[in-house]
Amino acid sequence: MKAVARLLQRLAVLGVGVLGIWLIVYVFELTDKRVPTLLALGITYGIAAYVILPRVVRMGLKILQRKHVPHFTVTGDGLLGDPVNLALVGTLDQLRAAFSATGWVEADPLNINTSWRMAQAFVLNRPYPTAPFSTLYLFGRGQDIGFQKAIGDSPRKRHHVRFWAQDVTNAEANANTLDFWLNTDRPEDSELALWVGAGTRDTGFSLTRLTFQITHATDADTNAERDFIIGELTRSGTIRHAMLVKPGDRLERAASHYICDGEIAVAEIVKS
């Protein structure tokens, strides 16, 4: 029975993929008859990368990941984003103080002004140490806060981590269940919380693997970035009781290629 279900899943994903390819070819043929070939290619790329492929991949992932405990964040298009690889216990003020003590800075909020400043810095290779992050989603919302540490003076390279707050009691009881990961309630800033994080290292410019959208290139080894962040916090004396746990399923598919052992570093922030 499982073999039949798996076969049906694969056939469904194949059908969605064929439909996506047909749509892309149709768009090119339609535009090529009306505008110059180079412009037709540009229009086809834009529609394929930002409209058709995100929806095709999202449909396929919903089929393949149905009833799985998530181990990854989600992009605004509904694709798999950065893997979840660390979690810290503390209040919002304690979280901010811990990263400040290690020389990390809080990312600016994402808006039109900061996006334009980031684009300029990226193209002209000018420093922007508090550059905003793109929005990734977990627990039904974008990240609650993010921190980064520049690598040299280039805005294209940085260590960075996004965090989402969850109730500590709920995490202790249900961390391996869908009930925990589907819970959208956010603790108050003053409350003790579990800050679930996704840390990666930006290394430059690239295209996403599944939809070919323009994005930051990231180091594939997210285990190394997790260990780097925990090491920074440990050396500064701002966390304790750090350990590795393995909740949920392994990360298998993502918008970028990642090497991930499935383990999450969990630590308690030291009270200041």
C-alpha atoms as a PDB file:
ATOM      1  CA  MET A   1       0.000   0.000   0.000  1.00  0.00           C
ATOM      2  CA  LYS A   2       2.866   2.360   0.840  1.00  0.00           C
ATOM      3  CA  ALA A   3       4.500   1.584  -2.519  1.00  0.00           C
ATOM      4  CA  VAL A   4       1.295   2.502  -4.356  1.00  0.00           C
ATOM      5  CA  ALA A   5       0.965   5.757  -2.380  1.00  0.00           C
ATOM      6  CA  ARG A   6       4.608   6.612  -3.125  1.00  0.00           C
ATOM      7  CA  LEU A   7       4.071   5.913  -6.832  1.00  0.00           C
ATOM      8  CA  LEU A   8       0.981   8.116  -6.904  1.00  0.00           C
ATOM      9  CA  GLN A   9       2.933  10.895  -5.165  1.00  0.00           C
ATOM     10  CA  ARG A  10       5.707  10.688  -7.755  1.00  0.00           C
ATOM     11  CA  LEU A  11       3.245  10.680 -10.644  1.00  0.00           C
ATOM     12  CA  ALA A  12       1.506  13.724  -9.168  1.00  0.00           C
ATOM     13  CA  VAL A  13       4.805  15.602  -8.821  1.00  0.00           C
ATOM     14  CA  LEU A  14       5.765  14.574 -12.385  1.00  0.00           C
ATOM     15  CA  GLY A  15       2.445  15.890 -13.671  1.00  0.00           C
ATOM     16  CA  VAL A  16       2.931  19.200 -11.883  1.00  0.00           C
ATOM     17  CA  GLY A  17       6.448  19.486 -13.334  1.00  0.00           C
ATOM     18  CA  VAL A  18       5.275  18.764 -16.885  1.00  0.00           C
ATOM     19  CA  LEU A  19       2.539  21.370 -16.497  1.00  0.00           C
ATOM     20  CA  GLY A  20       5.103  23.922 -15.315  1.00  0.00           C
ATOM     21  CA  ILE A  21       7.408  23.276 -18.293  1.00  0.00           C
ATOM     22  CA  TRP A  22       4.488  23.556 -20.708  1.00  0.00           C
ATOM     23  CA  LEU A  23       3.468  26.898 -19.182  1.00  0.00           C
ATOM     24  CA  ILE A  24       7.014  28.290 -19.511  1.00  0.00           C
ATOM     25  CA  VAL A  25       7.257  27.192 -23.161  1.00  0.00           C
ATOM     26  CA  TYR A  26       3.800  28.641 -23.834  1.00  0.00           C
ATOM     27  CA  VAL A  27       4.767  31.995 -22.312  1.00  0.00           C
ATOM     28  CA  PHE A  28       7.905  32.178 -24.484  1.00  0.00           C
ATOM     29  CA  GLU A  29       6.042  31.292 -27.680  1.00  0.00           C
ATOM     30  CA  LEU A  30       3.360  33.842 -26.850  1.00  0.00           C
ATOM     31  CA  THR A  31       5.810  36.679 -26.128  1.00  0.00           C
ATOM     32  CA  ASP A  32       8.254  35.788 -28.925  1.00  0.00           C
ATOM     33  CA  LYS A  33       5.517  36.432 -31.496  1.00  0.00           C
ATOM     34  CA  ARG A  34       4.954  39.938 -30.162  1.00  0.00           C
ATOM     35  CA  VAL A  35       8.337  41.302 -29.002  1.00  0.00           C
ATOM     36  CA  PRO A  36      12.056  40.825 -29.890  1.00  0.00           C
ATOM     37  CA  THR A  37      13.576  37.494 -28.854  1.00  0.00           C
ATOM     38  CA  LEU A  38      15.862  38.983 -26.165  1.00  0.00           C
ATOM     39  CA  LEU A  39      12.943  40.782 -24.528  1.00  0.00           C
ATOM     40  CA  ALA A  40      10.820  37.646 -24.844  1.00  0.00           C
ATOM     41  CA  LEU A  41      13.506  35.682 -23.006  1.00  0.00           C
ATOM     42  CA  GLY A  42      13.607  38.321 -20.244  1.00  0.00           C
ATOM     43  CA  ILE A  43       9.833  38.307 -19.842  1.00  0.00           C
ATOM     44  CA  THR A  44       9.770  34.494 -19.846  1.00  0.00           C
ATOM     45  CA  TYR A  45      12.500  34.346 -17.199  1.00  0.00           C
ATOM     46  CA  GLY A  46      10.641  36.789 -14.943  1.00  0.00           C
ATOM     47  CA  ILE A  47       7.334  34.944 -15.208  1.00  0.00           C
ATOM     48  CA  ALA A  48       8.957  31.511 -14.892  1.00  0.00           C
ATOM     49  CA  ALA A  49      11.248  32.333 -11.939  1.00  0.00           C
ATOM     50  CA  TYR A  50       8.842  34.486  -9.932  1.00  0.00           C
ATOM     51  CA  VAL A  51       5.371  33.191 -10.885  1.00  0.00           C
ATOM     52  CA  ILE A  52       5.242  29.720 -12.471  1.00  0.00           C
ATOM     53  CA  LEU A  53       8.141  27.811 -10.865  1.00  0.00           C
ATOM     54  CA  PRO A  54       7.455  28.947  -7.269  1.00  0.00           C
ATOM     55  CA  ARG A  55       3.891  27.674  -7.574  1.00  0.00           C
ATOM     56  CA  VAL A  56       4.925  24.430  -9.257  1.00  0.00           C
ATOM     57  CA  VAL A  57       7.577  23.699  -6.623  1.00  0.00           C
ATOM     58  CA  ARG A  58       5.206  24.665  -3.800  1.00  0.00           C
ATOM     59  CA  MET A  59       2.580  22.212  -5.077  1.00  0.00           C
ATOM     60  CA  GLY A  60       5.163  19.457  -5.381  1.00  0.00           C
ATOM     61  CA  LEU A  61       6.514  20.070  -1.885  1.00  0.00           C
ATOM     62  CA  LYS A  62       3.031  19.996  -0.393  1.00  0.00           C
ATOM     63  CA  ILE A  63       2.562  16.543  -1.899  1.00  0.00           C
ATOM     64  CA  LEU A  64       5.952  15.242  -0.743  1.00  0.00           C
ATOM     65  CA  GLN A  65       6.045  16.882   2.717  1.00  0.00           C
ATOM     66  CA  ARG A  66       2.430  16.212   3.709  1.00  0.00           C
ATOM     67  CA  LYS A  67       2.111  15.326   7.432  1.00  0.00           C
ATOM     68  CA  HIS A  68       5.834  15.863   8.076  1.00  0.00           C
ATOM     69  CA  VAL A  69       7.138  17.784  11.054  1.00  0.00           C
ATOM     70  CA  PRO A  70       8.902  20.784   9.445  1.00  0.00           C
ATOM     71  CA  HIS A  71      12.623  21.185   9.944  1.00  0.00           C
ATOM     72  CA  PHE A  72      12.988  24.266   7.782  1.00  0.00           C
ATOM     73  CA  THR A  73      11.707  27.779   7.282  1.00  0.00           C
ATOM     74  CA  VAL A  74       9.523  28.773   4.333  1.00  0.00           C
ATOM     75  CA  THR A  75      10.025  31.579   1.816  1.00  0.00           C
ATOM     76  CA  GLY A  76       7.326  34.059   0.857  1.00  0.00           C
ATOM     77  CA  ASP A  77       6.652  31.870  -2.199  1.00  0.00           C
ATOM     78  CA  GLY A  78       5.993  28.868   0.034  1.00  0.00           C
ATOM     79  CA  LEU A  79       9.283  27.142  -0.848  1.00  0.00           C
ATOM     80  CA  LEU A  80      11.642  25.592   1.665  1.00  0.00           C
ATOM     81  CA  GLY A  81      14.097  28.132   3.057  1.00  0.00           C
ATOM     82  CA  ASP A  82      16.945  27.965   5.574  1.00  0.00           C
ATOM     83  CA  PRO A  83      17.077  24.962   7.918  1.00  0.00           C
ATOM     84  CA  VAL A  84      16.285  25.368  11.601  1.00  0.00           C
ATOM     85  CA  ASN A  85      19.566  24.648  13.379  1.00  0.00           C
ATOM     86  CA  LEU A  86      19.632  26.309  16.811  1.00  0.00           C
ATOM     87  CA  ALA A  87      17.399  27.443  19.660  1.00  0.00           C
ATOM     88  CA  LEU A  88      18.029  29.654  22.692  1.00  0.00           C
ATOM     89  CA  VAL A  89      16.000  30.036  25.864  1.00  0.00           C
ATOM     90  CA  GLY A  90      15.567  33.529  27.304  1.00  0.00           C
ATOM     91  CA  THR A  91      13.663  36.791  27.066  1.00  0.00           C
ATOM     92  CA  LEU A  92      13.922  39.158  24.099  1.00  0.00           C
ATOM     93  CA  ASP A  93      16.158  41.539  26.072  1.00  0.00           C
ATOM     94  CA  GLN A  94      18.448  38.654  27.040  1.00  0.00           C
ATOM     95  CA  LEU A  95      18.650  37.524  23.419  1.00  0.00           C
ATOM     96  CA  ARG A  96      19.612  41.022  22.281  1.00  0.00           C
ATOM     97  CA  ALA A  97      22.191  41.373  25.052  1.00  0.00           C
ATOM     98  CA  ALA A  98      23.742  37.992  24.250  1.00  0.00           C
ATOM     99  CA  PHE A  99      24.373  38.843  20.595  1.00  0.00           C
ATOM    100  CA  SER A 100      25.449  42.398  21.390  1.00  0.00           C
ATOM    101  CA  ALA A 101      28.111  41.011  23.726  1.00  0.00           C
ATOM    102  CA  THR A 102      29.565  38.956  20.841  1.00  0.00           C
ATOM    103  CA  GLY A 103      29.741  41.930  18.454  1.00  0.00           C
ATOM    104  CA  TRP A 104      26.686  40.964  16.406  1.00  0.00           C
ATOM    105  CA  VAL A 105      24.154  43.648  15.419  1.00  0.00           C
ATOM    106  CA  GLU A 106      20.395  43.557  14.965  1.00  0.00           C
ATOM    107  CA  ALA A 107      19.194  43.681  11.358  1.00  0.00           C
ATOM    108  CA  ASP A 108      17.211  46.688  10.179  1.00  0.00           C
ATOM    109  CA  PRO A 109      13.509  46.066   9.449  1.00  0.00           C
ATOM    110  CA  LEU A 110      12.774  45.264   5.817  1.00  0.00           C
ATOM    111  CA  ASN A 111      11.043  48.126   4.038  1.00  0.00           C
ATOM    112  CA  ILE A 112      11.383  50.187   0.851  1.00  0.00           C
ATOM    113  CA  ASN A 113      14.136  52.433   2.238  1.00  0.00           C
ATOM    114  CA  THR A 114      16.293  49.656   3.701  1.00  0.00           C
ATOM    115  CA  SER A 115      15.747  47.452   0.634  1.00  0.00           C
ATOM    116  CA  TRP A 116      16.953  50.260  -1.655  1.00  0.00           C
ATOM    117  CA  ARG A 117      19.944  50.940   0.590  1.00  0.00           C
ATOM    118  CA  MET A 118      20.770  47.213   0.618  1.00  0.00           C
ATOM    119  CA  ALA A 119      20.517  47.001  -3.178  1.00  0.00           C
ATOM    120  CA  GLN A 120      22.902  49.936  -3.555  1.00  0.00           C
ATOM    121  CA  ALA A 121      25.339  48.492  -1.042  1.00  0.00           C
ATOM    122  CA  PHE A 122      25.207  45.083  -2.710  1.00  0.00           C
ATOM    123  CA  VAL A 123      25.819  46.397  -6.238  1.00  0.00           C
ATOM    124  CA  LEU A 124      28.465  48.962  -5.234  1.00  0.00           C
ATOM    125  CA  ASN A 125      29.989  46.667  -2.582  1.00  0.00           C
ATOM    126  CA  ARG A 126      29.638  49.272   0.170  1.00  0.00           C
ATOM    127  CA  PRO A 127      29.428  48.331   3.876  1.00  0.00           C
ATOM    128  CA  TYR A 128      25.967  48.027   5.431  1.00  0.00           C
ATOM    129  CA  PRO A 129      26.469  46.224   8.766  1.00  0.00           C
ATOM    130  CA  THR A 130      22.781  46.350   9.778  1.00  0.00           C
ATOM    131  CA  ALA A 131      21.375  45.361   6.376  1.00  0.00           C
ATOM    132  CA  PRO A 132      17.850  43.889   6.451  1.00  0.00           C
ATOM    133  CA  PHE A 133      17.031  40.224   5.872  1.00  0.00           C
ATOM    134  CA  SER A 134      14.551  38.811   3.419  1.00  0.00           C
ATOM    135  CA  THR A 135      11.520  37.438   5.238  1.00  0.00           C
ATOM    136  CA  LEU A 136      11.368  33.718   5.981  1.00  0.00           C
ATOM    137  CA  TYR A 137       8.399  32.139   7.721  1.00  0.00           C
ATOM    138  CA  LEU A 138       7.987  29.769  10.643  1.00  0.00           C
ATOM    139  CA  PHE A 139       5.022  29.342  12.992  1.00  0.00           C
ATOM    140  CA  GLY A 140       2.911  31.175  10.426  1.00  0.00           C
ATOM    141  CA  ARG A 141       4.857  34.455  10.605  1.00  0.00           C
ATOM    142  CA  GLY A 142       8.024  36.156   9.457  1.00  0.00           C
ATOM    143  CA  GLN A 143      11.061  36.181  11.723  1.00  0.00           C
ATOM    144  CA  ASP A 144      10.631  38.085  14.984  1.00  0.00           C
ATOM    145  CA  ILE A 145      14.213  39.324  15.037  1.00  0.00           C
ATOM    146  CA  GLY A 146      17.536  38.760  13.288  1.00  0.00           C
ATOM    147  CA  PHE A 147      21.220  39.346  14.012  1.00  0.00           C
ATOM    148  CA  GLN A 148      24.286  39.462  11.803  1.00  0.00           C
ATOM    149  CA  LYS A 149      28.048  39.832  11.826  1.00  0.00           C
ATOM    150  CA  ALA A 150      29.736  41.275   8.744  1.00  0.00           C
ATOM    151  CA  ILE A 151      32.594  39.420   7.075  1.00  0.00           C
ATOM    152  CA  GLY A 152      35.005  42.187   6.084  1.00  0.00           C
ATOM    153  CA  ASP A 153      33.429  45.326   4.605  1.00  0.00           C
ATOM    154  CA  SER A 154      31.349  43.617   1.930  1.00  0.00           C
ATOM    155  CA  PRO A 155      27.534  43.556   2.289  1.00  0.00           C
ATOM    156  CA  ARG A 156      27.579  40.357   0.211  1.00  0.00           C
ATOM    157  CA  LYS A 157      29.211  38.309   2.966  1.00  0.00           C
ATOM    158  CA  ARG A 158      27.935  37.953   6.518  1.00  0.00           C
ATOM    159  CA  HIS A 159      27.043  35.560   9.292  1.00  0.00           C
ATOM    160  CA  HIS A 160      23.348  35.882  10.081  1.00  0.00           C
ATOM    161  CA  VAL A 161      20.565  34.217  12.031  1.00  0.00           C
ATOM    162  CA  ARG A 162      16.793  34.698  12.166  1.00  0.00           C
ATOM    163  CA  PHE A 163      14.733  33.887  15.266  1.00  0.00           C
ATOM    164  CA  TRP A 164      11.084  33.067  15.990  1.00  0.00           C
ATOM    165  CA  ALA A 165       9.715  32.999  19.554  1.00  0.00           C
ATOM    166  CA  GLN A 166       7.720  30.075  20.906  1.00  0.00           C
ATOM    167  CA  ASP A 167       6.278  29.277  24.312  1.00  0.00           C
ATOM    168  CA  VAL A 168       8.837  27.325  26.377  1.00  0.00           C
ATOM    169  CA  THR A 169       6.250  25.081  28.048  1.00  0.00           C
ATOM    170  CA  ASN A 170       4.721  24.171  24.702  1.00  0.00           C
ATOM    171  CA  ALA A 171       8.171  23.425  23.311  1.00  0.00           C
ATOM    172  CA  GLU A 172       9.070  21.105  26.181  1.00  0.00           C
ATOM    173  CA  ALA A 173       5.849  19.122  25.753  1.00  0.00           C
ATOM    174  CA  ASN A 174       5.324  19.124  21.995  1.00  0.00           C
ATOM    175  CA  ALA A 175       8.573  19.959  20.168  1.00  0.00           C
ATOM    176  CA  ASN A 176       8.426  16.750  18.102  1.00  0.00           C
ATOM    177  CA  THR A 177       4.790  17.169  17.066  1.00  0.00           C
ATOM    178  CA  LEU A 178       2.955  19.111  14.387  1.00  0.00           C
ATOM    179  CA  ASP A 179       0.984  20.871  17.159  1.00  0.00           C
ATOM    180  CA  PHE A 180       4.159  22.703  18.179  1.00  0.00           C
ATOM    181  CA  TRP A 181       5.258  23.701  14.667  1.00  0.00           C
ATOM    182  CA  LEU A 182       1.762  24.764  13.597  1.00  0.00           C
ATOM    183  CA  ASN A 183       1.204  26.909  16.689  1.00  0.00           C
ATOM    184  CA  THR A 184       1.116  30.582  15.627  1.00  0.00           C
ATOM    185  CA  ASP A 185       0.894  32.138  19.115  1.00  0.00           C
ATOM    186  CA  ARG A 186       3.823  34.420  19.981  1.00  0.00           C
ATOM    187  CA  PRO A 187       4.945  34.941  23.593  1.00  0.00           C
ATOM    188  CA  GLU A 188       5.150  38.472  24.990  1.00  0.00           C
ATOM    189  CA  ASP A 189       8.585  40.120  24.699  1.00  0.00           C
ATOM    190  CA  SER A 190       9.016  40.097  28.477  1.00  0.00           C
ATOM    191  CA  GLU A 191       8.257  36.366  28.783  1.00  0.00           C
ATOM    192  CA  LEU A 192      10.795  33.566  28.841  1.00  0.00           C
ATOM    193  CA  ALA A 193      10.686  32.056  25.346  1.00  0.00           C
ATOM    194  CA  LEU A 194      12.295  29.448  23.152  1.00  0.00           C
ATOM    195  CA  TRP A 195      13.915  31.361  20.286  1.00  0.00           C
ATOM    196  CA  VAL A 196      13.999  28.955  17.353  1.00  0.00           C
ATOM    197  CA  GLY A 197      16.715  30.050  14.940  1.00  0.00           C
ATOM    198  CA  ALA A 198      17.950  29.503  11.401  1.00  0.00           C
ATOM    199  CA  GLY A 199      21.581  30.518  10.970  1.00  0.00           C
ATOM    200  CA  THR A 200      23.438  30.631   7.643  1.00  0.00           C
ATOM    201  CA  ARG A 201      26.469  32.409   6.159  1.00  0.00           C
ATOM    202  CA  ASP A 202      26.040  34.613   3.085  1.00  0.00           C
ATOM    203  CA  THR A 203      28.930  34.281   0.644  1.00  0.00           C
ATOM    204  CA  GLY A 204      27.916  36.372  -2.368  1.00  0.00           C
ATOM    205  CA  PHE A 205      25.391  36.356  -5.200  1.00  0.00           C
ATOM    206  CA  SER A 206      23.520  33.406  -6.730  1.00  0.00           C
ATOM    207  CA  LEU A 207      20.258  32.069  -8.128  1.00  0.00           C
ATOM    208  CA  THR A 208      17.977  29.767  -6.143  1.00  0.00           C
ATOM    209  CA  ARG A 209      18.185  26.123  -7.209  1.00  0.00           C
ATOM    210  CA  LEU A 210      14.514  25.432  -7.827  1.00  0.00           C
ATOM    211  CA  THR A 211      13.187  28.718  -9.203  1.00  0.00           C
ATOM    212  CA  PHE A 212      16.366  30.567 -10.334  1.00  0.00           C
ATOM    213  CA  GLN A 213      15.444  33.745  -8.454  1.00  0.00           C
ATOM    214  CA  ILE A 214      18.191  36.266  -7.627  1.00  0.00           C
ATOM    215  CA  THR A 215      19.346  35.898  -4.027  1.00  0.00           C
ATOM    216  CA  HIS A 216      22.336  35.863  -1.689  1.00  0.00           C
ATOM    217  CA  ALA A 217      24.591  32.848  -2.114  1.00  0.00           C
ATOM    218  CA  THR A 218      24.865  30.915   1.139  1.00  0.00           C
ATOM    219  CA  ASP A 219      27.452  28.492   2.431  1.00  0.00           C
ATOM    220  CA  ALA A 220      25.967  25.009   2.088  1.00  0.00           C
ATOM    221  CA  ASP A 221      27.362  23.794   5.425  1.00  0.00           C
ATOM    222  CA  THR A 222      24.772  25.080   7.890  1.00  0.00           C
ATOM    223  CA  ASN A 223      26.201  22.771  10.557  1.00  0.00           C
ATOM    224  CA  ALA A 224      29.401  24.820  10.515  1.00  0.00           C
ATOM    225  CA  GLU A 225      27.424  28.069  10.831  1.00  0.00           C
ATOM    226  CA  ARG A 226      25.399  26.649  13.730  1.00  0.00           C
ATOM    227  CA  ASP A 227      28.635  25.662  15.487  1.00  0.00           C
ATOM    228  CA  PHE A 228      30.157  29.095  14.760  1.00  0.00           C
ATOM    229  CA  ILE A 229      27.211  30.940  16.336  1.00  0.00           C
ATOM    230  CA  ILE A 230      27.130  28.690  19.394  1.00  0.00           C
ATOM    231  CA  GLY A 231      30.915  29.031  19.707  1.00  0.00           C
ATOM    232  CA  GLU A 232      30.707  32.829  19.598  1.00  0.00           C
ATOM    233  CA  LEU A 233      28.035  32.908  22.310  1.00  0.00           C
ATOM    234  CA  THR A 234      29.870  30.345  24.439  1.00  0.00           C
ATOM    235  CA  ARG A 235      33.177  32.237  24.309  1.00  0.00           C
ATOM    236  CA  SER A 236      31.435  35.449  25.344  1.00  0.00           C
ATOM    237  CA  GLY A 237      29.892  33.656  28.332  1.00  0.00           C
ATOM    238  CA  THR A 238      26.337  34.559  27.315  1.00  0.00           C
ATOM    239  CA  ILE A 239      24.946  30.994  27.035  1.00  0.00           C
ATOM    240  CA  ARG A 240      25.263  27.774  29.001  1.00  0.00           C
ATOM    241  CA  HIS A 241      24.163  24.135  28.859  1.00  0.00           C
ATOM    242  CA  ALA A 242      24.575  23.996  25.069  1.00  0.00           C
ATOM    243  CA  MET A 243      23.676  20.618  23.561  1.00  0.00           C
ATOM    244  CA  LEU A 244      22.640  19.064  20.255  1.00  0.00           C
ATOM    245  CA  VAL A 245      19.195  17.544  19.777  1.00  0.00           C
ATOM    246  CA  LYS A 246      17.537  15.987  16.728  1.00  0.00           C
ATOM    247  CA  PRO A 247      13.823  16.827  16.534  1.00  0.00           C
ATOM    248  CA  GLY A 248      11.659  16.423  13.441  1.00  0.00           C
ATOM    249  CA  ASP A 249      12.607  15.161  10.013  1.00  0.00           C
ATOM    250  CA  ARG A 250      15.842  15.664   8.112  1.00  0.00           C
ATOM    251  CA  LEU A 251      15.988  18.516   5.606  1.00  0.00           C
ATOM    252  CA  GLU A 252      15.893  17.002   2.124  1.00  0.00           C
ATOM    253  CA  ARG A 253      14.787  19.749  -0.258  1.00  0.00           C
ATOM    254  CA  ALA A 254      15.291  23.487  -0.155  1.00  0.00           C
ATOM    255  CA  ALA A 255      15.435  26.566  -2.352  1.00  0.00           C
ATOM    256  CA  SER A 256      19.209  26.384  -1.925  1.00  0.00           C
ATOM    257  CA  HIS A 257      21.410  23.322  -1.441  1.00  0.00           C
ATOM    258  CA  TYR A 258      22.336  22.698   2.183  1.00  0.00           C
ATOM    259  CA  ILE A 259      24.348  20.112   4.044  1.00  0.00           C
ATOM    260  CA  CYS A 260      22.445  19.564   7.274  1.00  0.00           C
ATOM    261  CA  ASP A 261      22.851  16.772   9.830  1.00  0.00           C
ATOM    262  CA  GLY A 262      19.390  17.440  11.288  1.00  0.00           C
ATOM    263  CA  GLU A 263      20.714  18.436  14.704  1.00  0.00           C
ATOM    264  CA  ILE A 264      19.666  21.620  16.496  1.00  0.00           C
ATOM    265  CA  ALA A 265      21.906  23.328  19.041  1.00  0.00           C
ATOM    266  CA  VAL A 266      19.894  24.310  22.105  1.00  0.00           C
ATOM    267  CA  ALA A 267      21.246  26.499  24.898  1.00  0.00           C
ATOM    268  CA  GLU A 268      20.068  28.677  27.759  1.00  0.00           C
ATOM    269  CA  ILE A 269      20.947  32.363  27.712  1.00  0.00           C
ATOM    270  CA  VAL A 270      22.783  33.468  30.846  1.00  0.00           C
ATOM    271  CA  LYS A 271      20.782  35.959  32.921  1.00  0.00           C
ATOM    272  CA  SER A 272      22.585  39.288  33.046  1.00  0.00           C
END
